[in-house]
Every structure is written in structure tokens, then in C-alpha cells.
Amino acid sequence: MDIEKAMLDPVSVFSCPDEVFDEPSLTPEQKIKILRRWEYDARELEVAEEENMAGGPPDILDEILRVLLRLDAEVDIAHSPPTKQGGE
């Protein structure tokens, strides 16, 4: 598996977030980093969809957040971030 490629473009390596969780060659930190990138990409697609620029893959943000929780990564699902991408 190409870890660098997975960290830059998770969907080019994994078909779903659970595959990241189940990948034995990755450390928990690598899994979280890959899932954070995937989360950012999913949020970007939500923004594009709201601006009527559809055409991306199905929304899997909830699935990504669920796997992050399984990895004990910090996920604040009670509050929305200042931007949809999670930035300040």
C-alpha cells in the first residue's frame, strides 16, 4: 500500500473509511491523519453541493466521523466548525 498516496487522496486507496480502520500496516496516528484528510475532502464536497456544483461521490462524512471516534480521535459532533472545512 502507498501510504503517501493514501494520505493525500484516501479514496484512491480505500473504498470506505472502515478499510482505513482495518488496515494492519497503519499506525493509529496514520489512520487518523488519513481520515482527517478524507473528512476535509468530504466537507469540501458538501460546500460544492450547496453551491449547486454536484457530481461528487456519495456523502460519507458520518461514516468518517464514526471511524474517527472508534480510533479515539477528537471529534466534536455537537458543534459545527466555523467553516464547513473545519477551519477557523
PDB file of N, CA and C in Angstrom:
ATOM      1  N   MET A   1       0.832  -1.178   0.000  1.00  0.00           N
ATOM      2  CA  MET A   1       0.000   0.000   0.000  1.00  0.00           C
ATOM      3  C   MET A   1       0.884   1.251   0.000  1.00  0.00           C
ATOM      4  N   ASP A   2       0.480   2.253  -0.757  1.00  0.00           N
ATOM      5  CA  ASP A   2       1.192   3.516  -0.852  1.00  0.00           C
ATOM      6  C   ASP A   2       0.636   4.463   0.210  1.00  0.00           C
ATOM      7  N   ILE A   3       1.330   4.566   1.345  1.00  0.00           N
ATOM      8  CA  ILE A   3       0.848   5.379   2.467  1.00  0.00           C
ATOM      9  C   ILE A   3       0.795   6.857   2.095  1.00  0.00           C
ATOM     10  N   GLU A   4       1.802   7.335   1.384  1.00  0.00           N
ATOM     11  CA  GLU A   4       1.804   8.751   0.979  1.00  0.00           C
ATOM     12  C   GLU A   4       0.595   9.071   0.104  1.00  0.00           C
ATOM     13  N   LYS A   5       0.292   8.187  -0.824  1.00  0.00           N
ATOM     14  CA  LYS A   5      -0.864   8.382  -1.694  1.00  0.00           C
ATOM     15  C   LYS A   5      -2.155   8.364  -0.873  1.00  0.00           C
ATOM     16  N   ALA A   6      -2.240   7.457   0.091  1.00  0.00           N
ATOM     17  CA  ALA A   6      -3.426   7.368   0.942  1.00  0.00           C
ATOM     18  C   ALA A   6      -3.617   8.633   1.757  1.00  0.00           C
ATOM     19  N   MET A   7      -2.529   9.241   2.198  1.00  0.00           N
ATOM     20  CA  MET A   7      -2.634  10.458   2.999  1.00  0.00           C
ATOM     21  C   MET A   7      -3.022  11.676   2.167  1.00  0.00           C
ATOM     22  N   LEU A   8      -2.716  11.647   0.895  1.00  0.00           N
ATOM     23  CA  LEU A   8      -3.082  12.752   0.004  1.00  0.00           C
ATOM     24  C   LEU A   8      -4.459  12.582  -0.617  1.00  0.00           C
ATOM     25  N   ASP A   9      -4.816  11.342  -0.935  1.00  0.00           N
ATOM     26  CA  ASP A   9      -6.079  11.066  -1.616  1.00  0.00           C
ATOM     27  C   ASP A   9      -6.616   9.711  -1.145  1.00  0.00           C
ATOM     28  N   PRO A  10      -7.258   9.695   0.023  1.00  0.00           N
ATOM     29  CA  PRO A  10      -7.701   8.422   0.614  1.00  0.00           C
ATOM     30  C   PRO A  10      -8.585   7.575  -0.303  1.00  0.00           C
ATOM     31  N   VAL A  11      -9.459   8.215  -1.101  1.00  0.00           N
ATOM     32  CA  VAL A  11     -10.358   7.430  -1.951  1.00  0.00           C
ATOM     33  C   VAL A  11      -9.635   6.720  -3.086  1.00  0.00           C
ATOM     34  N   SER A  12      -8.380   7.108  -3.354  1.00  0.00           N
ATOM     35  CA  SER A  12      -7.626   6.409  -4.391  1.00  0.00           C
ATOM     36  C   SER A  12      -7.056   5.094  -3.867  1.00  0.00           C
ATOM     37  N   VAL A  13      -7.079   4.914  -2.543  1.00  0.00           N
ATOM     38  CA  VAL A  13      -6.517   3.710  -1.936  1.00  0.00           C
ATOM     39  C   VAL A  13      -7.579   2.884  -1.211  1.00  0.00           C
ATOM     40  N   PHE A  14      -8.536   3.555  -0.584  1.00  0.00           N
ATOM     41  CA  PHE A  14      -9.551   2.875   0.215  1.00  0.00           C
ATOM     42  C   PHE A  14     -10.948   3.117  -0.357  1.00  0.00           C
ATOM     43  N   SER A  15     -11.788   2.097  -0.302  1.00  0.00           N
ATOM     44  CA  SER A  15     -13.155   2.246  -0.810  1.00  0.00           C
ATOM     45  C   SER A  15     -14.113   2.764   0.256  1.00  0.00           C
ATOM     46  N   CYS A  16     -13.723   2.651   1.543  1.00  0.00           N
ATOM     47  CA  CYS A  16     -14.575   3.160   2.621  1.00  0.00           C
ATOM     48  C   CYS A  16     -13.706   3.416   3.854  1.00  0.00           C
ATOM     49  N   PRO A  17     -14.158   4.269   4.755  1.00  0.00           N
ATOM     50  CA  PRO A  17     -13.379   4.570   5.961  1.00  0.00           C
ATOM     51  C   PRO A  17     -13.086   3.349   6.833  1.00  0.00           C
ATOM     52  N   ASP A  18     -13.962   2.370   6.844  1.00  0.00           N
ATOM     53  CA  ASP A  18     -13.703   1.161   7.637  1.00  0.00           C
ATOM     54  C   ASP A  18     -12.450   0.433   7.172  1.00  0.00           C
ATOM     55  N   GLU A  19     -12.128   0.529   5.893  1.00  0.00           N
ATOM     56  CA  GLU A  19     -10.903  -0.101   5.390  1.00  0.00           C
ATOM     57  C   GLU A  19      -9.665   0.544   6.000  1.00  0.00           C
ATOM     58  N   VAL A  20      -9.731   1.850   6.230  1.00  0.00           N
ATOM     59  CA  VAL A  20      -8.614   2.530   6.890  1.00  0.00           C
ATOM     60  C   VAL A  20      -8.460   1.958   8.299  1.00  0.00           C
ATOM     61  N   PHE A  21      -9.563   1.853   9.012  1.00  0.00           N
ATOM     62  CA  PHE A  21      -9.549   1.329  10.377  1.00  0.00           C
ATOM     63  C   PHE A  21      -8.971  -0.083  10.429  1.00  0.00           C
ATOM     64  N   ASP A  22      -9.319  -0.899   9.453  1.00  0.00           N
ATOM     65  CA  ASP A  22      -8.922  -2.306   9.443  1.00  0.00           C
ATOM     66  C   ASP A  22      -7.525  -2.563   8.876  1.00  0.00           C
ATOM     67  N   GLU A  23      -6.877  -1.538   8.316  1.00  0.00           N
ATOM     68  CA  GLU A  23      -5.563  -1.729   7.682  1.00  0.00           C
ATOM     69  C   GLU A  23      -4.476  -1.968   8.743  1.00  0.00           C
ATOM     70  N   PRO A  24      -3.934  -3.194   8.800  1.00  0.00           N
ATOM     71  CA  PRO A  24      -2.964  -3.522   9.857  1.00  0.00           C
ATOM     72  C   PRO A  24      -1.599  -2.844   9.700  1.00  0.00           C
ATOM     73  N   SER A  25      -1.264  -2.397   8.506  1.00  0.00           N
ATOM     74  CA  SER A  25       0.064  -1.802   8.300  1.00  0.00           C
ATOM     75  C   SER A  25       0.135  -0.338   8.726  1.00  0.00           C
ATOM     76  N   LEU A  26      -0.995   0.257   9.107  1.00  0.00           N
ATOM     77  CA  LEU A  26      -1.010   1.656   9.508  1.00  0.00           C
ATOM     78  C   LEU A  26      -1.037   1.797  11.023  1.00  0.00           C
ATOM     79  N   THR A  27      -0.341   2.808  11.515  1.00  0.00           N
ATOM     80  CA  THR A  27      -0.414   3.132  12.936  1.00  0.00           C
ATOM     81  C   THR A  27      -1.727   3.881  13.188  1.00  0.00           C
ATOM     82  N   PRO A  28      -2.160   3.950  14.435  1.00  0.00           N
ATOM     83  CA  PRO A  28      -3.363   4.739  14.730  1.00  0.00           C
ATOM     84  C   PRO A  28      -3.209   6.201  14.285  1.00  0.00           C
ATOM     85  N   GLU A  29      -2.038   6.764  14.434  1.00  0.00           N
ATOM     86  CA  GLU A  29      -1.813   8.148  14.026  1.00  0.00           C
ATOM     87  C   GLU A  29      -1.957   8.312  12.514  1.00  0.00           C
ATOM     88  N   GLN A  30      -1.432   7.357  11.753  1.00  0.00           N
ATOM     89  CA  GLN A  30      -1.574   7.407  10.294  1.00  0.00           C
ATOM     90  C   GLN A  30      -3.038   7.271   9.885  1.00  0.00           C
ATOM     91  N   LYS A  31      -3.748   6.386  10.548  1.00  0.00           N
ATOM     92  CA  LYS A  31      -5.171   6.204  10.251  1.00  0.00           C
ATOM     93  C   LYS A  31      -5.938   7.495  10.493  1.00  0.00           C
ATOM     94  N   ILE A  32      -5.647   8.156  11.608  1.00  0.00           N
ATOM     95  CA  ILE A  32      -6.327   9.409  11.925  1.00  0.00           C
ATOM     96  C   ILE A  32      -5.986  10.476  10.890  1.00  0.00           C
ATOM     97  N   LYS A  33      -4.733  10.552  10.501  1.00  0.00           N
ATOM     98  CA  LYS A  33      -4.328  11.546   9.503  1.00  0.00           C
ATOM     99  C   LYS A  33      -5.038  11.306   8.170  1.00  0.00           C
ATOM    100  N   ILE A  34      -5.124  10.070   7.753  1.00  0.00           N
ATOM    101  CA  ILE A  34      -5.821   9.733   6.503  1.00  0.00           C
ATOM    102  C   ILE A  34      -7.300  10.084   6.611  1.00  0.00           C
ATOM    103  N   LEU A  35      -7.905   9.739   7.733  1.00  0.00           N
ATOM    104  CA  LEU A  35      -9.334  10.027   7.918  1.00  0.00           C
ATOM    105  C   LEU A  35      -9.602  11.517   8.028  1.00  0.00           C
ATOM    106  N   ARG A  36      -8.699  12.274   8.617  1.00  0.00           N
ATOM    107  CA  ARG A  36      -8.854  13.739   8.683  1.00  0.00           C
ATOM    108  C   ARG A  36      -8.824  14.339   7.277  1.00  0.00           C
ATOM    109  N   ARG A  37      -7.929  13.817   6.440  1.00  0.00           N
ATOM    110  CA  ARG A  37      -7.884  14.295   5.058  1.00  0.00           C
ATOM    111  C   ARG A  37      -9.197  13.965   4.337  1.00  0.00           C
ATOM    112  N   TRP A  38      -9.680  12.743   4.563  1.00  0.00           N
ATOM    113  CA  TRP A  38     -10.921  12.307   3.942  1.00  0.00           C
ATOM    114  C   TRP A  38     -12.079  13.168   4.446  1.00  0.00           C
ATOM    115  N   GLU A  39     -12.063  13.512   5.732  1.00  0.00           N
ATOM    116  CA  GLU A  39     -13.092  14.379   6.308  1.00  0.00           C
ATOM    117  C   GLU A  39     -13.070  15.749   5.625  1.00  0.00           C
ATOM    118  N   TYR A  40     -11.889  16.319   5.453  1.00  0.00           N
ATOM    119  CA  TYR A  40     -11.758  17.612   4.786  1.00  0.00           C
ATOM    120  C   TYR A  40     -12.329  17.542   3.368  1.00  0.00           C
ATOM    121  N   ASP A  41     -11.952  16.498   2.641  1.00  0.00           N
ATOM    122  CA  ASP A  41     -12.445  16.343   1.274  1.00  0.00           C
ATOM    123  C   ASP A  41     -13.971  16.215   1.245  1.00  0.00           C
ATOM    124  N   ALA A  42     -14.537  15.465   2.189  1.00  0.00           N
ATOM    125  CA  ALA A  42     -15.993  15.293   2.251  1.00  0.00           C
ATOM    126  C   ALA A  42     -16.679  16.619   2.545  1.00  0.00           C
ATOM    127  N   ARG A  43     -16.095  17.423   3.420  1.00  0.00           N
ATOM    128  CA  ARG A  43     -16.668  18.737   3.724  1.00  0.00           C
ATOM    129  C   ARG A  43     -16.581  19.656   2.504  1.00  0.00           C
ATOM    130  N   GLU A  44     -15.497  19.585   1.768  1.00  0.00           N
ATOM    131  CA  GLU A  44     -15.363  20.365   0.536  1.00  0.00           C
ATOM    132  C   GLU A  44     -16.471  20.006  -0.454  1.00  0.00           C
ATOM    133  N   LEU A  45     -16.766  18.725  -0.567  1.00  0.00           N
ATOM    134  CA  LEU A  45     -17.832  18.298  -1.473  1.00  0.00           C
ATOM    135  C   LEU A  45     -19.194  18.810  -1.006  1.00  0.00           C
ATOM    136  N   GLU A  46     -19.413  18.874   0.306  1.00  0.00           N
ATOM    137  CA  GLU A  46     -20.670  19.420   0.825  1.00  0.00           C
ATOM    138  C   GLU A  46     -20.811  20.886   0.444  1.00  0.00           C
ATOM    139  N   VAL A  47     -19.736  21.641   0.542  1.00  0.00           N
ATOM    140  CA  VAL A  47     -19.767  23.050   0.164  1.00  0.00           C
ATOM    141  C   VAL A  47     -20.089  23.176  -1.322  1.00  0.00           C
ATOM    142  N   ALA A  48     -19.432  22.389  -2.150  1.00  0.00           N
ATOM    143  CA  ALA A  48     -19.678  22.439  -3.592  1.00  0.00           C
ATOM    144  C   ALA A  48     -21.121  22.081  -3.914  1.00  0.00           C
ATOM    145  N   GLU A  49     -21.653  21.083  -3.225  1.00  0.00           N
ATOM    146  CA  GLU A  49     -23.029  20.667  -3.469  1.00  0.00           C
ATOM    147  C   GLU A  49     -24.011  21.776  -3.095  1.00  0.00           C
ATOM    148  N   GLU A  50     -23.748  22.459  -1.988  1.00  0.00           N
ATOM    149  CA  GLU A  50     -24.611  23.569  -1.578  1.00  0.00           C
ATOM    150  C   GLU A  50     -24.574  24.703  -2.596  1.00  0.00           C
ATOM    151  N   GLU A  51     -23.476  24.817  -3.318  1.00  0.00           N
ATOM    152  CA  GLU A  51     -23.340  25.851  -4.332  1.00  0.00           C
ATOM    153  C   GLU A  51     -23.751  25.339  -5.712  1.00  0.00           C
ATOM    154  N   ASN A  52     -24.543  24.253  -5.708  1.00  0.00           N
ATOM    155  CA  ASN A  52     -25.071  23.640  -6.932  1.00  0.00           C
ATOM    156  C   ASN A  52     -23.985  23.135  -7.868  1.00  0.00           C
ATOM    157  N   MET A  53     -22.894  22.656  -7.309  1.00  0.00           N
ATOM    158  CA  MET A  53     -21.827  22.042  -8.099  1.00  0.00           C
ATOM    159  C   MET A  53     -21.763  20.567  -7.728  1.00  0.00           C
ATOM    160  N   ALA A  54     -22.815  19.844  -7.992  1.00  0.00           N
ATOM    161  CA  ALA A  54     -22.899  18.431  -7.613  1.00  0.00           C
ATOM    162  C   ALA A  54     -22.038  17.579  -8.534  1.00  0.00           C
ATOM    163  N   GLY A  55     -22.024  16.298  -8.250  1.00  0.00           N
ATOM    164  CA  GLY A  55     -21.309  15.377  -9.104  1.00  0.00           C
ATOM    165  C   GLY A  55     -20.253  14.576  -8.382  1.00  0.00           C
ATOM    166  N   GLY A  56     -20.104  14.802  -7.076  1.00  0.00           N
ATOM    167  CA  GLY A  56     -19.113  14.067  -6.315  1.00  0.00           C
ATOM    168  C   GLY A  56     -19.651  12.731  -5.849  1.00  0.00           C
ATOM    169  N   PRO A  57     -18.823  11.982  -5.134  1.00  0.00           N
ATOM    170  CA  PRO A  57     -19.261  10.691  -4.598  1.00  0.00           C
ATOM    171  C   PRO A  57     -20.304  10.884  -3.497  1.00  0.00           C
ATOM    172  N   PRO A  58     -20.977   9.822  -3.101  1.00  0.00           N
ATOM    173  CA  PRO A  58     -21.995   9.944  -2.058  1.00  0.00           C
ATOM    174  C   PRO A  58     -21.382  10.462  -0.752  1.00  0.00           C
ATOM    175  N   ASP A  59     -22.197  11.152   0.037  1.00  0.00           N
ATOM    176  CA  ASP A  59     -21.740  11.724   1.301  1.00  0.00           C
ATOM    177  C   ASP A  59     -21.412  10.615   2.291  1.00  0.00           C
ATOM    178  N   ILE A  60     -20.176  10.616   2.778  1.00  0.00           N
ATOM    179  CA  ILE A  60     -19.763   9.603   3.757  1.00  0.00           C
ATOM    180  C   ILE A  60     -19.188  10.250   5.007  1.00  0.00           C
ATOM    181  N   LEU A  61     -19.483  11.541   5.199  1.00  0.00           N
ATOM    182  CA  LEU A  61     -18.924  12.253   6.341  1.00  0.00           C
ATOM    183  C   LEU A  61     -19.275  11.571   7.660  1.00  0.00           C
ATOM    184  N   ASP A  62     -20.510  11.140   7.821  1.00  0.00           N
ATOM    185  CA  ASP A  62     -20.907  10.467   9.062  1.00  0.00           C
ATOM    186  C   ASP A  62     -20.088   9.200   9.299  1.00  0.00           C
ATOM    187  N   GLU A  63     -19.835   8.473   8.240  1.00  0.00           N
ATOM    188  CA  GLU A  63     -19.045   7.240   8.356  1.00  0.00           C
ATOM    189  C   GLU A  63     -17.602   7.553   8.760  1.00  0.00           C
ATOM    190  N   ILE A  64     -17.040   8.609   8.183  1.00  0.00           N
ATOM    191  CA  ILE A  64     -15.678   9.019   8.525  1.00  0.00           C
ATOM    192  C   ILE A  64     -15.603   9.399   9.999  1.00  0.00           C
ATOM    193  N   LEU A  65     -16.560  10.188  10.464  1.00  0.00           N
ATOM    194  CA  LEU A  65     -16.570  10.619  11.860  1.00  0.00           C
ATOM    195  C   LEU A  65     -16.747   9.433  12.802  1.00  0.00           C
ATOM    196  N   ARG A  66     -17.542   8.473  12.401  1.00  0.00           N
ATOM    197  CA  ARG A  66     -17.749   7.271  13.224  1.00  0.00           C
ATOM    198  C   ARG A  66     -16.441   6.499  13.395  1.00  0.00           C
ATOM    199  N   VAL A  67     -15.680   6.367  12.314  1.00  0.00           N
ATOM    200  CA  VAL A  67     -14.407   5.646  12.386  1.00  0.00           C
ATOM    201  C   VAL A  67     -13.391   6.442  13.206  1.00  0.00           C
ATOM    202  N   LEU A  68     -13.390   7.756  13.073  1.00  0.00           N
ATOM    203  CA  LEU A  68     -12.504   8.567  13.904  1.00  0.00           C
ATOM    204  C   LEU A  68     -12.813   8.362  15.388  1.00  0.00           C
ATOM    205  N   LEU A  69     -14.083   8.278  15.722  1.00  0.00           N
ATOM    206  CA  LEU A  69     -14.460   8.016  17.114  1.00  0.00           C
ATOM    207  C   LEU A  69     -13.962   6.645  17.574  1.00  0.00           C
ATOM    208  N   ARG A  70     -14.026   5.660  16.699  1.00  0.00           N
ATOM    209  CA  ARG A  70     -13.529   4.321  17.033  1.00  0.00           C
ATOM    210  C   ARG A  70     -12.028   4.338  17.304  1.00  0.00           C
ATOM    211  N   LEU A  71     -11.326   5.302  16.708  1.00  0.00           N
ATOM    212  CA  LEU A  71      -9.882   5.444  16.914  1.00  0.00           C
ATOM    213  C   LEU A  71      -9.572   6.372  18.087  1.00  0.00           C
ATOM    214  N   ASP A  72     -10.596   6.774  18.808  1.00  0.00           N
ATOM    215  CA  ASP A  72     -10.459   7.698  19.936  1.00  0.00           C
ATOM    216  C   ASP A  72      -9.886   9.047  19.515  1.00  0.00           C
ATOM    217  N   ALA A  73     -10.135   9.433  18.271  1.00  0.00           N
ATOM    218  CA  ALA A  73      -9.715  10.752  17.800  1.00  0.00           C
ATOM    219  C   ALA A  73     -10.742  11.774  18.286  1.00  0.00           C
ATOM    220  N   GLU A  74     -10.295  12.973  18.506  1.00  0.00           N
ATOM    221  CA  GLU A  74     -11.190  14.020  18.967  1.00  0.00           C
ATOM    222  C   GLU A  74     -12.130  14.418  17.836  1.00  0.00           C
ATOM    223  N   VAL A  75     -13.432  14.265  18.093  1.00  0.00           N
ATOM    224  CA  VAL A  75     -14.461  14.636  17.130  1.00  0.00           C
ATOM    225  C   VAL A  75     -15.548  15.371  17.895  1.00  0.00           C
ATOM    226  N   ASP A  76     -15.792  16.619  17.530  1.00  0.00           N
ATOM    227  CA  ASP A  76     -16.830  17.409  18.180  1.00  0.00           C
ATOM    228  C   ASP A  76     -18.048  17.412  17.276  1.00  0.00           C
ATOM    229  N   ILE A  77     -18.948  16.460  17.499  1.00  0.00           N
ATOM    230  CA  ILE A  77     -20.140  16.361  16.666  1.00  0.00           C
ATOM    231  C   ILE A  77     -21.275  17.231  17.190  1.00  0.00           C
ATOM    232  N   ALA A  78     -21.111  17.810  18.371  1.00  0.00           N
ATOM    233  CA  ALA A  78     -22.157  18.642  18.945  1.00  0.00           C
ATOM    234  C   ALA A  78     -22.125  20.074  18.412  1.00  0.00           C
ATOM    235  N   HIS A  79     -20.976  20.512  17.918  1.00  0.00           N
ATOM    236  CA  HIS A  79     -20.835  21.877  17.434  1.00  0.00           C
ATOM    237  C   HIS A  79     -20.348  21.887  15.993  1.00  0.00           C
ATOM    238  N   SER A  80     -20.857  22.832  15.246  1.00  0.00           N
ATOM    239  CA  SER A  80     -20.396  22.984  13.872  1.00  0.00           C
ATOM    240  C   SER A  80     -19.108  23.789  13.859  1.00  0.00           C
ATOM    241  N   PRO A  81     -18.172  23.455  12.979  1.00  0.00           N
ATOM    242  CA  PRO A  81     -16.951  24.256  12.883  1.00  0.00           C
ATOM    243  C   PRO A  81     -17.275  25.618  12.272  1.00  0.00           C
ATOM    244  N   PRO A  82     -16.392  26.605  12.447  1.00  0.00           N
ATOM    245  CA  PRO A  82     -16.629  27.928  11.867  1.00  0.00           C
ATOM    246  C   PRO A  82     -16.811  27.883  10.352  1.00  0.00           C
ATOM    247  N   THR A  83     -16.163  26.942   9.676  1.00  0.00           N
ATOM    248  CA  THR A  83     -16.384  26.724   8.258  1.00  0.00           C
ATOM    249  C   THR A  83     -16.676  25.249   8.054  1.00  0.00           C
ATOM    250  N   LYS A  84     -17.305  24.930   6.964  1.00  0.00           N
ATOM    251  CA  LYS A  84     -17.624  23.534   6.706  1.00  0.00           C
ATOM    252  C   LYS A  84     -16.372  22.669   6.594  1.00  0.00           C
ATOM    253  N   GLN A  85     -15.242  23.278   6.228  1.00  0.00           N
ATOM    254  CA  GLN A  85     -14.000  22.522   6.111  1.00  0.00           C
ATOM    255  C   GLN A  85     -13.341  22.305   7.464  1.00  0.00           C
ATOM    256  N   GLY A  86     -13.901  22.877   8.527  1.00  0.00           N
ATOM    257  CA  GLY A  86     -13.367  22.676   9.857  1.00  0.00           C
ATOM    258  C   GLY A  86     -12.325  23.701  10.254  1.00  0.00           C
ATOM    259  N   GLY A  87     -12.111  24.726   9.435  1.00  0.00           N
ATOM    260  CA  GLY A  87     -11.101  25.735   9.730  1.00  0.00           C
ATOM    261  C   GLY A  87     -11.635  26.853  10.597  1.00  0.00           C
ATOM    262  N   GLU A  88     -10.778  27.792  10.897  1.00  0.00           N
ATOM    263  CA  GLU A  88     -11.132  28.953  11.725  1.00  0.00           C
ATOM    264  C   GLU A  88     -11.728  30.044  10.874  1.00  0.00           C
TER     265      GLU A  88
END
